Amino acid sequence: FFPISQIRLWALQLIMVSTPSLLVALHVAYREHREAK
């Protein structure tokens, strides 16, 4: 009935939907690295 725990699937969802926001921070860090270089 529970091949994966509901609470663990909920946690996995939170991680997956929050990770793409890191792309913006990484792009800004890349710009800062270029200016420093």
PDB file of all heavy atoms in Angstrom:
ATOM      1  N   PHE A   1       0.814  -1.219   0.000  1.00  0.00           N
ATOM      2  CA  PHE A   1       0.000   0.000   0.000  1.00  0.00           C
ATOM      3  C   PHE A   1       0.848   1.270   0.000  1.00  0.00           C
ATOM      4  O   PHE A   1       0.387   2.312  -0.485  1.00  0.00           O
ATOM      5  CB  PHE A   1      -0.930   0.006   1.222  1.00  0.00           C
ATOM      6  CG  PHE A   1      -2.008  -1.025   1.156  1.00  0.00           C
ATOM      7  CD1 PHE A   1      -2.068  -2.044   2.095  1.00  0.00           C
ATOM      8  CD2 PHE A   1      -2.957  -1.001   0.145  1.00  0.00           C
ATOM      9  CE1 PHE A   1      -3.072  -3.012   2.040  1.00  0.00           C
ATOM     10  CE2 PHE A   1      -3.961  -1.963   0.081  1.00  0.00           C
ATOM     11  CZ  PHE A   1      -4.014  -2.969   1.031  1.00  0.00           C
ATOM     12  N   PHE A   2       2.059   1.220   0.535  1.00  0.00           N
ATOM     13  CA  PHE A   2       2.924   2.403   0.601  1.00  0.00           C
ATOM     14  C   PHE A   2       4.302   2.050   0.041  1.00  0.00           C
ATOM     15  O   PHE A   2       5.250   1.827   0.806  1.00  0.00           O
ATOM     16  CB  PHE A   2       3.048   2.893   2.046  1.00  0.00           C
ATOM     17  CG  PHE A   2       1.724   3.225   2.685  1.00  0.00           C
ATOM     18  CD1 PHE A   2       1.123   2.344   3.566  1.00  0.00           C
ATOM     19  CD2 PHE A   2       1.074   4.409   2.382  1.00  0.00           C
ATOM     20  CE1 PHE A   2      -0.100   2.627   4.146  1.00  0.00           C
ATOM     21  CE2 PHE A   2      -0.152   4.709   2.961  1.00  0.00           C
ATOM     22  CZ  PHE A   2      -0.741   3.819   3.844  1.00  0.00           C
ATOM     23  N   PRO A   3       4.434   1.961  -1.295  1.00  0.00           N
ATOM     24  CA  PRO A   3       5.736   1.636  -1.877  1.00  0.00           C
ATOM     25  C   PRO A   3       6.806   2.672  -1.539  1.00  0.00           C
ATOM     26  O   PRO A   3       7.983   2.357  -1.467  1.00  0.00           O
ATOM     27  CB  PRO A   3       5.451   1.583  -3.380  1.00  0.00           C
ATOM     28  CG  PRO A   3       4.185   2.339  -3.559  1.00  0.00           C
ATOM     29  CD  PRO A   3       3.401   2.157  -2.311  1.00  0.00           C
ATOM     30  N   ILE A   4       6.390   3.913  -1.359  1.00  0.00           N
ATOM     31  CA  ILE A   4       7.272   4.951  -0.836  1.00  0.00           C
ATOM     32  C   ILE A   4       6.476   5.728   0.202  1.00  0.00           C
ATOM     33  O   ILE A   4       5.280   5.986   0.020  1.00  0.00           O
ATOM     34  CB  ILE A   4       7.795   5.878  -1.961  1.00  0.00           C
ATOM     35  CG1 ILE A   4       8.701   6.969  -1.374  1.00  0.00           C
ATOM     36  CG2 ILE A   4       6.657   6.489  -2.760  1.00  0.00           C
ATOM     37  CD1 ILE A   4       9.385   7.814  -2.433  1.00  0.00           C
ATOM     38  N   SER A   5       7.112   6.055   1.288  1.00  0.00           N
ATOM     39  CA  SER A   5       6.413   6.734   2.366  1.00  0.00           C
ATOM     40  C   SER A   5       5.870   8.081   1.887  1.00  0.00           C
ATOM     41  O   SER A   5       6.532   8.817   1.157  1.00  0.00           O
ATOM     42  CB  SER A   5       7.364   6.942   3.545  1.00  0.00           C
ATOM     43  OG  SER A   5       6.748   7.707   4.551  1.00  0.00           O
ATOM     44  N   GLN A   6       4.657   8.405   2.310  1.00  0.00           N
ATOM     45  CA  GLN A   6       4.039   9.666   1.890  1.00  0.00           C
ATOM     46  C   GLN A   6       4.840  10.868   2.359  1.00  0.00           C
ATOM     47  O   GLN A   6       5.022  11.842   1.620  1.00  0.00           O
ATOM     48  CB  GLN A   6       2.609   9.734   2.440  1.00  0.00           C
ATOM     49  CG  GLN A   6       1.672   8.712   1.808  1.00  0.00           C
ATOM     50  CD  GLN A   6       0.320   8.689   2.477  1.00  0.00           C
ATOM     51  OE1 GLN A   6       0.196   8.961   3.670  1.00  0.00           O
ATOM     52  NE2 GLN A   6      -0.709   8.347   1.717  1.00  0.00           N
ATOM     53  N   ILE A   7       5.347  10.802   3.563  1.00  0.00           N
ATOM     54  CA  ILE A   7       6.101  11.940   4.097  1.00  0.00           C
ATOM     55  C   ILE A   7       7.437  12.094   3.385  1.00  0.00           C
ATOM     56  O   ILE A   7       7.920  13.212   3.168  1.00  0.00           O
ATOM     57  CB  ILE A   7       6.295  11.785   5.624  1.00  0.00           C
ATOM     58  CG1 ILE A   7       6.752  13.094   6.258  1.00  0.00           C
ATOM     59  CG2 ILE A   7       7.252  10.653   5.940  1.00  0.00           C
ATOM     60  CD1 ILE A   7       5.730  14.180   6.222  1.00  0.00           C
ATOM     61  N   ARG A   8       8.056  10.984   2.983  1.00  0.00           N
ATOM     62  CA  ARG A   8       9.323  11.070   2.246  1.00  0.00           C
ATOM     63  C   ARG A   8       9.091  11.576   0.822  1.00  0.00           C
ATOM     64  O   ARG A   8       9.923  12.310   0.279  1.00  0.00           O
ATOM     65  CB  ARG A   8      10.013   9.710   2.236  1.00  0.00           C
ATOM     66  CG  ARG A   8      10.532   9.299   3.605  1.00  0.00           C
ATOM     67  CD  ARG A   8      11.312   7.998   3.559  1.00  0.00           C
ATOM     68  NE  ARG A   8      11.824   7.637   4.871  1.00  0.00           N
ATOM     69  CZ  ARG A   8      11.148   6.920   5.764  1.00  0.00           C
ATOM     70  NH1 ARG A   8       9.939   6.466   5.465  1.00  0.00           N
ATOM     71  NH2 ARG A   8      11.674   6.636   6.947  1.00  0.00           N
ATOM     72  N   LEU A   9       7.972  11.202   0.230  1.00  0.00           N
ATOM     73  CA  LEU A   9       7.634  11.740  -1.093  1.00  0.00           C
ATOM     74  C   LEU A   9       7.365  13.235  -1.004  1.00  0.00           C
ATOM     75  O   LEU A   9       7.733  13.997  -1.910  1.00  0.00           O
ATOM     76  CB  LEU A   9       6.412  11.010  -1.649  1.00  0.00           C
ATOM     77  CG  LEU A   9       5.993  11.393  -3.074  1.00  0.00           C
ATOM     78  CD1 LEU A   9       7.117  11.116  -4.067  1.00  0.00           C
ATOM     79  CD2 LEU A   9       4.736  10.641  -3.481  1.00  0.00           C
ATOM     80  N   TRP A  10       6.752  13.665   0.068  1.00  0.00           N
ATOM     81  CA  TRP A  10       6.512  15.090   0.301  1.00  0.00           C
ATOM     82  C   TRP A  10       7.849  15.836   0.425  1.00  0.00           C
ATOM     83  O   TRP A  10       8.042  16.898  -0.166  1.00  0.00           O
ATOM     84  CB  TRP A  10       5.680  15.250   1.556  1.00  0.00           C
ATOM     85  CG  TRP A  10       5.135  16.627   1.795  1.00  0.00           C
ATOM     86  CD1 TRP A  10       5.426  17.757   1.087  1.00  0.00           C
ATOM     87  CD2 TRP A  10       4.212  17.012   2.800  1.00  0.00           C
ATOM     88  NE1 TRP A  10       4.744  18.826   1.588  1.00  0.00           N
ATOM     89  CE2 TRP A  10       3.980  18.393   2.646  1.00  0.00           C
ATOM     90  CE3 TRP A  10       3.559  16.324   3.812  1.00  0.00           C
ATOM     91  CZ2 TRP A  10       3.126  19.107   3.478  1.00  0.00           C
ATOM     92  CZ3 TRP A  10       2.704  17.038   4.638  1.00  0.00           C
ATOM     93  CH2 TRP A  10       2.487  18.408   4.472  1.00  0.00           C
ATOM     94  N   ALA A  11       8.774  15.272   1.203  1.00  0.00           N
ATOM     95  CA  ALA A  11      10.093  15.887   1.350  1.00  0.00           C
ATOM     96  C   ALA A  11      10.847  15.932   0.016  1.00  0.00           C
ATOM     97  O   ALA A  11      11.490  16.931  -0.313  1.00  0.00           O
ATOM     98  CB  ALA A  11      10.909  15.116   2.390  1.00  0.00           C
ATOM     99  N   LEU A  12      10.747  14.849  -0.756  1.00  0.00           N
ATOM    100  CA  LEU A  12      11.396  14.823  -2.063  1.00  0.00           C
ATOM    101  C   LEU A  12      10.816  15.887  -2.986  1.00  0.00           C
ATOM    102  O   LEU A  12      11.544  16.536  -3.749  1.00  0.00           O
ATOM    103  CB  LEU A  12      11.234  13.431  -2.679  1.00  0.00           C
ATOM    104  CG  LEU A  12      11.903  13.209  -4.043  1.00  0.00           C
ATOM    105  CD1 LEU A  12      13.413  13.363  -3.936  1.00  0.00           C
ATOM    106  CD2 LEU A  12      11.541  11.825  -4.587  1.00  0.00           C
ATOM    107  N   GLN A  13       9.502  16.087  -2.909  1.00  0.00           N
ATOM    108  CA  GLN A  13       8.874  17.123  -3.718  1.00  0.00           C
ATOM    109  C   GLN A  13       9.397  18.507  -3.351  1.00  0.00           C
ATOM    110  O   GLN A  13       9.687  19.333  -4.225  1.00  0.00           O
ATOM    111  CB  GLN A  13       7.353  17.071  -3.541  1.00  0.00           C
ATOM    112  CG  GLN A  13       6.604  18.103  -4.374  1.00  0.00           C
ATOM    113  CD  GLN A  13       5.153  18.224  -3.955  1.00  0.00           C
ATOM    114  OE1 GLN A  13       4.793  17.830  -2.851  1.00  0.00           O
ATOM    115  NE2 GLN A  13       4.327  18.772  -4.825  1.00  0.00           N
ATOM    116  N   LEU A  14       9.509  18.788  -2.049  1.00  0.00           N
ATOM    117  CA  LEU A  14      10.012  20.083  -1.604  1.00  0.00           C
ATOM    118  C   LEU A  14      11.431  20.340  -2.110  1.00  0.00           C
ATOM    119  O   LEU A  14      11.775  21.448  -2.544  1.00  0.00           O
ATOM    120  CB  LEU A  14       9.974  20.168  -0.082  1.00  0.00           C
ATOM    121  CG  LEU A  14       8.595  20.295   0.560  1.00  0.00           C
ATOM    122  CD1 LEU A  14       8.716  20.265   2.076  1.00  0.00           C
ATOM    123  CD2 LEU A  14       7.914  21.573   0.102  1.00  0.00           C
ATOM    124  N   ILE A  15      12.263  19.304  -2.063  1.00  0.00           N
ATOM    125  CA  ILE A  15      13.641  19.461  -2.540  1.00  0.00           C
ATOM    126  C   ILE A  15      13.668  19.691  -4.047  1.00  0.00           C
ATOM    127  O   ILE A  15      14.395  20.567  -4.544  1.00  0.00           O
ATOM    128  CB  ILE A  15      14.470  18.221  -2.156  1.00  0.00           C
ATOM    129  CG1 ILE A  15      14.605  18.120  -0.634  1.00  0.00           C
ATOM    130  CG2 ILE A  15      15.847  18.273  -2.803  1.00  0.00           C
ATOM    131  CD1 ILE A  15      15.231  16.838  -0.159  1.00  0.00           C
ATOM    132  N   MET A  16      12.861  18.937  -4.785  1.00  0.00           N
ATOM    133  CA  MET A  16      12.876  19.040  -6.240  1.00  0.00           C
ATOM    134  C   MET A  16      12.375  20.398  -6.723  1.00  0.00           C
ATOM    135  O   MET A  16      12.919  20.976  -7.668  1.00  0.00           O
ATOM    136  CB  MET A  16      12.023  17.921  -6.844  1.00  0.00           C
ATOM    137  CG  MET A  16      12.585  16.529  -6.610  1.00  0.00           C
ATOM    138  SD  MET A  16      14.146  16.250  -7.463  1.00  0.00           S
ATOM    139  CE  MET A  16      13.605  16.131  -9.148  1.00  0.00           C
ATOM    140  N   VAL A  17      11.333  20.939  -6.093  1.00  0.00           N
ATOM    141  CA  VAL A  17      10.794  22.222  -6.558  1.00  0.00           C
ATOM    142  C   VAL A  17      11.629  23.403  -6.085  1.00  0.00           C
ATOM    143  O   VAL A  17      11.514  24.501  -6.641  1.00  0.00           O
ATOM    144  CB  VAL A  17       9.329  22.395  -6.097  1.00  0.00           C
ATOM    145  CG1 VAL A  17       8.458  21.286  -6.636  1.00  0.00           C
ATOM    146  CG2 VAL A  17       9.229  22.484  -4.592  1.00  0.00           C
ATOM    147  N   SER A  18      12.449  23.208  -5.074  1.00  0.00           N
ATOM    148  CA  SER A  18      13.297  24.301  -4.595  1.00  0.00           C
ATOM    149  C   SER A  18      14.645  24.349  -5.295  1.00  0.00           C
ATOM    150  O   SER A  18      15.260  25.421  -5.364  1.00  0.00           O
ATOM    151  CB  SER A  18      13.521  24.157  -3.080  1.00  0.00           C
ATOM    152  OG  SER A  18      12.300  24.135  -2.387  1.00  0.00           O
ATOM    153  N   THR A  19      15.109  23.214  -5.816  1.00  0.00           N
ATOM    154  CA  THR A  19      16.432  23.166  -6.440  1.00  0.00           C
ATOM    155  C   THR A  19      16.573  24.057  -7.676  1.00  0.00           C
ATOM    156  O   THR A  19      17.617  24.705  -7.842  1.00  0.00           O
ATOM    157  CB  THR A  19      16.788  21.710  -6.801  1.00  0.00           C
ATOM    158  OG1 THR A  19      16.740  20.916  -5.616  1.00  0.00           O
ATOM    159  CG2 THR A  19      18.171  21.620  -7.406  1.00  0.00           C
ATOM    160  N   PRO A  20      15.564  24.147  -8.598  1.00  0.00           N
ATOM    161  CA  PRO A  20      15.751  25.007  -9.769  1.00  0.00           C
ATOM    162  C   PRO A  20      16.037  26.467  -9.449  1.00  0.00           C
ATOM    163  O   PRO A  20      16.647  27.166 -10.268  1.00  0.00           O
ATOM    164  CB  PRO A  20      14.413  24.861 -10.519  1.00  0.00           C
ATOM    165  CG  PRO A  20      13.917  23.527 -10.131  1.00  0.00           C
ATOM    166  CD  PRO A  20      14.330  23.348  -8.713  1.00  0.00           C
ATOM    167  N   SER A  21      15.620  26.935  -8.274  1.00  0.00           N
ATOM    168  CA  SER A  21      15.928  28.321  -7.902  1.00  0.00           C
ATOM    169  C   SER A  21      17.427  28.545  -7.746  1.00  0.00           C
ATOM    170  O   SER A  21      17.905  29.684  -7.852  1.00  0.00           O
ATOM    171  CB  SER A  21      15.213  28.678  -6.593  1.00  0.00           C
ATOM    172  OG  SER A  21      13.815  28.565  -6.751  1.00  0.00           O
ATOM    173  N   LEU A  22      18.176  27.466  -7.501  1.00  0.00           N
ATOM    174  CA  LEU A  22      19.630  27.594  -7.384  1.00  0.00           C
ATOM    175  C   LEU A  22      20.263  27.983  -8.710  1.00  0.00           C
ATOM    176  O   LEU A  22      21.372  28.539  -8.733  1.00  0.00           O
ATOM    177  CB  LEU A  22      20.237  26.281  -6.890  1.00  0.00           C
ATOM    178  CG  LEU A  22      19.812  25.805  -5.497  1.00  0.00           C
ATOM    179  CD1 LEU A  22      20.446  24.458  -5.200  1.00  0.00           C
ATOM    180  CD2 LEU A  22      20.216  26.816  -4.448  1.00  0.00           C
ATOM    181  N   LEU A  23      19.605  27.693  -9.828  1.00  0.00           N
ATOM    182  CA  LEU A  23      20.166  28.044 -11.132  1.00  0.00           C
ATOM    183  C   LEU A  23      20.380  29.552 -11.253  1.00  0.00           C
ATOM    184  O   LEU A  23      21.377  30.007 -11.815  1.00  0.00           O
ATOM    185  CB  LEU A  23      19.243  27.557 -12.256  1.00  0.00           C
ATOM    186  CG  LEU A  23      19.059  26.044 -12.391  1.00  0.00           C
ATOM    187  CD1 LEU A  23      18.010  25.738 -13.450  1.00  0.00           C
ATOM    188  CD2 LEU A  23      20.384  25.377 -12.754  1.00  0.00           C
ATOM    189  N   VAL A  24      19.433  30.325 -10.720  1.00  0.00           N
ATOM    190  CA  VAL A  24      19.551  31.781 -10.775  1.00  0.00           C
ATOM    191  C   VAL A  24      20.741  32.246  -9.950  1.00  0.00           C
ATOM    192  O   VAL A  24      21.544  33.076 -10.392  1.00  0.00           O
ATOM    193  CB  VAL A  24      18.249  32.440 -10.283  1.00  0.00           C
ATOM    194  CG1 VAL A  24      18.351  33.950 -10.352  1.00  0.00           C
ATOM    195  CG2 VAL A  24      17.069  31.960 -11.116  1.00  0.00           C
ATOM    196  N   ALA A  25      20.879  31.706  -8.735  1.00  0.00           N
ATOM    197  CA  ALA A  25      22.009  32.088  -7.880  1.00  0.00           C
ATOM    198  C   ALA A  25      23.334  31.682  -8.507  1.00  0.00           C
ATOM    199  O   ALA A  25      24.327  32.434  -8.440  1.00  0.00           O
ATOM    200  CB  ALA A  25      21.853  31.455  -6.504  1.00  0.00           C
ATOM    201  N   LEU A  26      23.389  30.524  -9.146  1.00  0.00           N
ATOM    202  CA  LEU A  26      24.622  30.086  -9.809  1.00  0.00           C
ATOM    203  C   LEU A  26      24.966  30.976 -10.994  1.00  0.00           C
ATOM    204  O   LEU A  26      26.146  31.261 -11.246  1.00  0.00           O
ATOM    205  CB  LEU A  26      24.473  28.633 -10.264  1.00  0.00           C
ATOM    206  CG  LEU A  26      24.418  27.577  -9.152  1.00  0.00           C
ATOM    207  CD1 LEU A  26      24.137  26.197  -9.739  1.00  0.00           C
ATOM    208  CD2 LEU A  26      25.728  27.549  -8.372  1.00  0.00           C
ATOM    209  N   HIS A  27      23.955  31.425 -11.726  1.00  0.00           N
ATOM    210  CA  HIS A  27      24.217  32.312 -12.865  1.00  0.00           C
ATOM    211  C   HIS A  27      24.764  33.651 -12.391  1.00  0.00           C
ATOM    212  O   HIS A  27      25.695  34.206 -13.001  1.00  0.00           O
ATOM    213  CB  HIS A  27      22.939  32.526 -13.672  1.00  0.00           C
ATOM    214  CG  HIS A  27      23.178  33.061 -15.045  1.00  0.00           C
ATOM    215  ND1 HIS A  27      22.872  32.362 -16.186  1.00  0.00           N
ATOM    216  CD2 HIS A  27      23.713  34.230 -15.465  1.00  0.00           C
ATOM    217  CE1 HIS A  27      23.208  33.070 -17.248  1.00  0.00           C
ATOM    218  NE2 HIS A  27      23.712  34.219 -16.832  1.00  0.00           N
ATOM    219  N   VAL A  28      24.197  34.184 -11.313  1.00  0.00           N
ATOM    220  CA  VAL A  28      24.709  35.443 -10.761  1.00  0.00           C
ATOM    221  C   VAL A  28      26.137  35.260 -10.250  1.00  0.00           C
ATOM    222  O   VAL A  28      27.001  36.122 -10.442  1.00  0.00           O
ATOM    223  CB  VAL A  28      23.790  35.950  -9.641  1.00  0.00           C
ATOM    224  CG1 VAL A  28      24.382  37.189  -8.981  1.00  0.00           C
ATOM    225  CG2 VAL A  28      22.410  36.267 -10.201  1.00  0.00           C
ATOM    226  N   ALA A  29      26.420  34.118  -9.629  1.00  0.00           N
ATOM    227  CA  ALA A  29      27.786  33.833  -9.168  1.00  0.00           C
ATOM    228  C   ALA A  29      28.746  33.735 -10.362  1.00  0.00           C
ATOM    229  O   ALA A  29      29.904  34.161 -10.266  1.00  0.00           O
ATOM    230  CB  ALA A  29      27.804  32.531  -8.372  1.00  0.00           C
ATOM    231  N   TYR A  30      28.264  33.191 -11.473  1.00  0.00           N
ATOM    232  CA  TYR A  30      29.095  33.125 -12.685  1.00  0.00           C
ATOM    233  C   TYR A  30      29.423  34.526 -13.201  1.00  0.00           C
ATOM    234  O   TYR A  30      30.557  34.804 -13.619  1.00  0.00           O
ATOM    235  CB  TYR A  30      28.362  32.322 -13.758  1.00  0.00           C
ATOM    236  CG  TYR A  30      28.981  32.427 -15.130  1.00  0.00           C
ATOM    237  CD1 TYR A  30      30.183  31.786 -15.430  1.00  0.00           C
ATOM    238  CD2 TYR A  30      28.350  33.166 -16.134  1.00  0.00           C
ATOM    239  CE1 TYR A  30      30.745  31.882 -16.696  1.00  0.00           C
ATOM    240  CE2 TYR A  30      28.909  33.268 -17.394  1.00  0.00           C
ATOM    241  CZ  TYR A  30      30.102  32.623 -17.669  1.00  0.00           C
ATOM    242  OH  TYR A  30      30.662  32.739 -18.929  1.00  0.00           O
ATOM    243  N   ARG A  31      28.454  35.438 -13.155  1.00  0.00           N
ATOM    244  CA  ARG A  31      28.715  36.819 -13.565  1.00  0.00           C
ATOM    245  C   ARG A  31      29.745  37.482 -12.653  1.00  0.00           C
ATOM    246  O   ARG A  31      30.647  38.192 -13.123  1.00  0.00           O
ATOM    247  CB  ARG A  31      27.411  37.617 -13.552  1.00  0.00           C
ATOM    248  CG  ARG A  31      26.459  37.279 -14.685  1.00  0.00           C
ATOM    249  CD  ARG A  31      25.252  38.203 -14.675  1.00  0.00           C
ATOM    250  NE  ARG A  31      24.447  38.047 -15.882  1.00  0.00           N
ATOM    251  CZ  ARG A  31      23.402  38.815 -16.188  1.00  0.00           C
ATOM    252  NH1 ARG A  31      23.030  39.768 -15.352  1.00  0.00           N
ATOM    253  NH2 ARG A  31      22.738  38.617 -17.301  1.00  0.00           N
ATOM    254  N   GLU A  32      29.609  37.252 -11.363  1.00  0.00           N
ATOM    255  CA  GLU A  32      30.584  37.821 -10.425  1.00  0.00           C
ATOM    256  C   GLU A  32      31.981  37.252 -10.679  1.00  0.00           C
ATOM    257  O   GLU A  32      32.986  37.971 -10.578  1.00  0.00           O
ATOM    258  CB  GLU A  32      30.138  37.532  -8.996  1.00  0.00           C
ATOM    259  CG  GLU A  32      28.856  38.244  -8.597  1.00  0.00           C
ATOM    260  CD  GLU A  32      28.379  37.841  -7.225  1.00  0.00           C
ATOM    261  OE1 GLU A  32      28.962  36.874  -6.671  1.00  0.00           O
ATOM    262  OE2 GLU A  32      27.433  38.464  -6.710  1.00  0.00           O
ATOM    263  N   HIS A  33      32.056  35.966 -10.999  1.00  0.00           N
ATOM    264  CA  HIS A  33      33.351  35.347 -11.295  1.00  0.00           C
ATOM    265  C   HIS A  33      33.977  35.950 -12.552  1.00  0.00           C
ATOM    266  O   HIS A  33      35.201  36.185 -12.600  1.00  0.00           O
ATOM    267  CB  HIS A  33      33.170  33.843 -11.459  1.00  0.00           C
ATOM    268  CG  HIS A  33      34.419  33.130 -11.900  1.00  0.00           C
ATOM    269  ND1 HIS A  33      35.507  32.948 -11.068  1.00  0.00           N
ATOM    270  CD2 HIS A  33      34.763  32.560 -13.102  1.00  0.00           C
ATOM    271  CE1 HIS A  33      36.463  32.309 -11.724  1.00  0.00           C
ATOM    272  NE2 HIS A  33      36.032  32.057 -12.961  1.00  0.00           N
ATOM    273  N   ARG A  34      33.165  36.211 -13.570  1.00  0.00           N
ATOM    274  CA  ARG A  34      33.683  36.820 -14.801  1.00  0.00           C
ATOM    275  C   ARG A  34      34.244  38.217 -14.545  1.00  0.00           C
ATOM    276  O   ARG A  34      35.307  38.576 -15.048  1.00  0.00           O
ATOM    277  CB  ARG A  34      32.579  36.897 -15.856  1.00  0.00           C
ATOM    278  CG  ARG A  34      32.264  35.587 -16.549  1.00  0.00           C
ATOM    279  CD  ARG A  34      31.458  35.840 -17.793  1.00  0.00           C
ATOM    280  NE  ARG A  34      32.236  36.594 -18.776  1.00  0.00           N
ATOM    281  CZ  ARG A  34      31.716  37.208 -19.826  1.00  0.00           C
ATOM    282  NH1 ARG A  34      30.407  37.182 -20.022  1.00  0.00           N
ATOM    283  NH2 ARG A  34      32.477  37.854 -20.680  1.00  0.00           N
ATOM    284  N   GLU A  35      33.518  39.007 -13.753  1.00  0.00           N
ATOM    285  CA  GLU A  35      34.005  40.352 -13.452  1.00  0.00           C
ATOM    286  C   GLU A  35      35.292  40.307 -12.631  1.00  0.00           C
ATOM    287  O   GLU A  35      36.205  41.108 -12.849  1.00  0.00           O
ATOM    288  CB  GLU A  35      32.930  41.133 -12.697  1.00  0.00           C
ATOM    289  CG  GLU A  35      31.770  41.579 -13.576  1.00  0.00           C
ATOM    290  CD  GLU A  35      30.858  42.542 -12.860  1.00  0.00           C
ATOM    291  OE1 GLU A  35      31.002  42.678 -11.615  1.00  0.00           O
ATOM    292  OE2 GLU A  35      30.006  43.152 -13.527  1.00  0.00           O
ATOM    293  N   ALA A  36      35.368  39.345 -11.701  1.00  0.00           N
ATOM    294  CA  ALA A  36      36.602  39.218 -10.915  1.00  0.00           C
ATOM    295  C   ALA A  36      37.760  38.744 -11.785  1.00  0.00           C
ATOM    296  O   ALA A  36      38.909  39.157 -11.579  1.00  0.00           O
ATOM    297  CB  ALA A  36      36.371  38.245  -9.758  1.00  0.00           C
ATOM    298  N   LYS A  37      37.456  37.904 -12.764  1.00  0.00           N
ATOM    299  CA  LYS A  37      38.511  37.383 -13.641  1.00  0.00           C
ATOM    300  C   LYS A  37      39.045  38.467 -14.568  1.00  0.00           C
ATOM    301  O   LYS A  37      40.265  38.600 -14.753  1.00  0.00           O
ATOM    302  CB  LYS A  37      37.964  36.211 -14.456  1.00  0.00           C
ATOM    303  CG  LYS A  37      38.990  35.555 -15.358  1.00  0.00           C
ATOM    304  CD  LYS A  37      38.362  34.380 -16.106  1.00  0.00           C
ATOM    305  CE  LYS A  37      39.381  33.729 -17.042  1.00  0.00           C
ATOM    306  NZ  LYS A  37      38.787  32.582 -17.777  1.00  0.00           N
TER     307      LYS A  37
END
